[in-house]
Amino acid sequence: ECAAQACRALMNIALGSPASGTAIASAGGVERLVALLPSDASVGAKAADALANVLSSNDPNRVAARAAGAVPLLVTMLRGGGEAASKAADALTMIAGETGGRAAVAAQTDAIRLLVGLLSSVECAAQACRALMNIAHGSPATRTA
């Protein structure tokens, strides 16, 4: 329960504030949030939600999330559907907002297929659509993945 509450707090602190996202990352927050992704679905979803806010408009944090292994963990979360998949798609959207992130998500086995599959989910369609848009943006190679 403490981890879920900490994730909610970090999510709110980072919301709309790149400077706060930078401060969270400087304190090791990106790596700790990534480490919580494989937790139970509820904590994992909250960690992905907080991670999305920390990564918003912050390319160095996006790079740090990739380096910490976020992409394969988030793709795994897509498989479960529901809230966890929705929050994972949001975080993948943020990672794919940076050139290296687009390639990393597109290269991850099943990422595109799983995101396309989520387009039929009422709960996840908008998030999956945004992730696919960011992945395809500016790169002919990722559009054909």
Protein backbone atom coordinates (compact mmCIF):
# COMPACT_ATOMS: atom_id res chain seq x y z
CA GLU A 1 0.00 0.00 0.00
CA CYS A 2 2.86 2.42 0.73
CA ALA A 3 4.26 1.90 -2.77
CA ALA A 4 0.87 2.67 -4.35
CA GLN A 5 0.54 5.84 -2.27
CA ALA A 6 4.07 6.92 -3.15
CA CYS A 7 3.28 6.40 -6.85
CA ARG A 8 0.14 8.53 -6.55
CA ALA A 9 2.11 11.26 -4.79
CA LEU A 10 4.84 11.27 -7.46
CA MET A 11 2.20 11.26 -10.19
CA ASN A 12 0.58 14.37 -8.71
CA ILE A 13 3.88 16.14 -8.07
CA ALA A 14 5.02 15.57 -11.67
CA LEU A 15 1.68 16.44 -13.28
CA GLY A 16 2.27 19.27 -15.73
CA SER A 17 5.66 20.16 -14.28
CA PRO A 18 8.79 19.20 -16.21
CA ALA A 19 10.89 20.73 -13.40
CA SER A 20 9.26 18.41 -10.87
CA GLY A 21 9.82 15.47 -13.22
CA THR A 22 13.49 16.39 -13.36
CA ALA A 23 13.68 16.59 -9.57
CA ILE A 24 12.00 13.18 -9.23
CA ALA A 25 14.43 11.68 -11.74
CA SER A 26 17.41 13.25 -9.96
CA ALA A 27 16.30 11.55 -6.76
CA GLY A 28 16.26 8.14 -8.48
CA GLY A 29 12.51 8.16 -9.03
CA VAL A 30 12.54 6.92 -12.63
CA GLU A 31 14.45 3.75 -11.74
CA ARG A 32 12.29 3.11 -8.68
CA LEU A 33 9.07 3.54 -10.63
CA VAL A 34 10.36 1.18 -13.33
CA ALA A 35 11.21 -1.35 -10.61
CA LEU A 36 7.56 -1.26 -9.45
CA LEU A 37 6.10 -1.98 -12.91
CA PRO A 38 6.14 -5.78 -12.49
CA SER A 39 4.33 -5.52 -9.12
CA ASP A 40 0.69 -6.56 -8.80
CA ALA A 41 -1.61 -4.95 -11.38
CA SER A 42 -2.77 -2.14 -9.09
CA VAL A 43 0.71 -1.00 -8.01
CA GLY A 44 2.10 -1.54 -11.52
CA ALA A 45 -0.66 0.63 -12.99
CA LYS A 46 0.03 3.40 -10.49
CA ALA A 47 3.77 3.19 -11.19
CA ALA A 48 3.12 3.42 -14.95
CA ASP A 49 0.79 6.38 -14.40
CA ALA A 50 3.39 8.19 -12.29
CA LEU A 51 6.11 7.30 -14.79
CA ALA A 52 4.07 8.81 -17.65
CA ASN A 53 3.86 12.11 -15.76
CA VAL A 54 7.56 12.09 -14.87
CA LEU A 55 8.43 11.47 -18.54
CA SER A 56 6.06 14.08 -19.97
CA SER A 57 7.97 16.74 -21.94
CA ASN A 58 11.28 15.49 -20.57
CA ASP A 59 13.59 13.69 -23.00
CA PRO A 60 16.37 12.97 -20.46
CA ASN A 61 13.83 11.21 -18.24
CA ARG A 62 12.54 9.24 -21.25
CA VAL A 63 16.08 8.08 -21.97
CA ALA A 64 16.54 7.16 -18.29
CA ALA A 65 13.33 5.10 -18.34
CA ARG A 66 14.53 3.19 -21.41
CA ALA A 67 17.91 2.59 -19.78
CA ALA A 68 16.17 1.28 -16.65
CA GLY A 69 14.32 -1.33 -18.74
CA ALA A 70 10.86 0.26 -18.80
CA VAL A 71 9.92 -0.65 -22.37
CA PRO A 72 9.76 -4.47 -22.08
CA LEU A 73 8.04 -4.21 -18.68
CA LEU A 74 5.41 -1.82 -20.05
CA VAL A 75 4.84 -4.04 -23.10
CA THR A 76 4.27 -6.98 -20.76
CA MET A 77 1.66 -4.90 -18.92
CA LEU A 78 -0.23 -4.38 -22.22
CA ARG A 79 -0.98 -8.11 -22.31
CA GLY A 80 -3.17 -7.98 -19.19
CA GLY A 81 -5.62 -5.40 -20.49
CA GLY A 82 -7.61 -3.17 -18.16
CA GLU A 83 -6.28 -0.24 -16.19
CA ALA A 84 -2.71 -1.55 -16.12
CA ALA A 85 -2.63 -1.79 -19.93
CA SER A 86 -4.12 1.69 -20.24
CA LYS A 87 -1.48 3.22 -17.94
CA ALA A 88 1.29 1.23 -19.65
CA ALA A 89 0.15 2.60 -23.03
CA ASP A 90 0.31 6.13 -21.57
CA ALA A 91 3.87 5.58 -20.37
CA LEU A 92 4.86 4.07 -23.74
CA THR A 93 3.37 7.16 -25.40
CA MET A 94 5.73 9.32 -23.37
CA ILE A 95 8.76 7.13 -24.10
CA ALA A 96 7.90 7.14 -27.82
CA GLY A 97 7.84 10.94 -27.75
CA GLU A 98 11.63 10.87 -28.12
CA THR A 99 13.42 9.55 -31.23
CA GLY A 100 15.30 6.71 -29.52
CA GLY A 101 12.17 5.81 -27.60
CA ARG A 102 10.13 5.44 -30.80
CA ALA A 103 12.64 2.94 -32.13
CA ALA A 104 12.90 1.10 -28.79
CA VAL A 105 9.13 0.62 -28.51
CA ALA A 106 8.76 -0.40 -32.17
CA ALA A 107 11.59 -2.91 -31.82
CA GLN A 108 10.05 -4.57 -28.76
CA THR A 109 8.47 -7.87 -29.73
CA ASP A 110 4.66 -7.64 -29.87
CA ALA A 111 4.48 -3.95 -28.84
CA ILE A 112 2.77 -2.78 -32.04
CA ARG A 113 0.50 -5.83 -32.22
CA LEU A 114 -0.58 -5.42 -28.60
CA LEU A 115 -1.23 -1.69 -29.01
CA VAL A 116 -3.28 -2.32 -32.15
CA GLY A 117 -5.23 -4.96 -30.24
CA LEU A 118 -6.02 -2.43 -27.51
CA LEU A 119 -7.74 -0.19 -30.07
CA SER A 120 -10.83 -2.39 -29.62
CA SER A 121 -10.86 -1.79 -25.84
CA VAL A 122 -13.09 1.02 -24.61
CA GLU A 123 -10.78 1.50 -21.63
CA CYS A 124 -7.51 1.54 -23.60
CA ALA A 125 -8.26 2.71 -27.16
CA ALA A 126 -7.35 6.38 -26.74
CA GLN A 127 -4.08 5.60 -24.97
CA ALA A 128 -3.13 2.93 -27.52
CA CYS A 129 -3.92 5.34 -30.35
CA ARG A 130 -1.65 8.03 -28.87
CA ALA A 131 1.17 5.50 -28.38
CA LEU A 132 0.88 4.29 -31.98
CA MET A 133 0.83 7.89 -33.21
CA ASN A 134 4.06 8.69 -31.35
CA ILE A 135 5.73 5.49 -32.53
CA ALA A 136 4.88 6.25 -36.16
CA HIS A 137 5.77 9.94 -35.97
CA GLY A 138 8.70 10.99 -38.14
CA SER A 139 10.04 7.55 -38.96
CA PRO A 140 9.14 5.47 -42.04
CA ALA A 141 10.83 2.44 -40.43
CA THR A 142 8.55 2.46 -37.37
CA ARG A 143 5.45 2.98 -39.51
CA THR A 144 6.02 -0.40 -41.14
CA ALA A 145 6.90 -2.29 -37.93
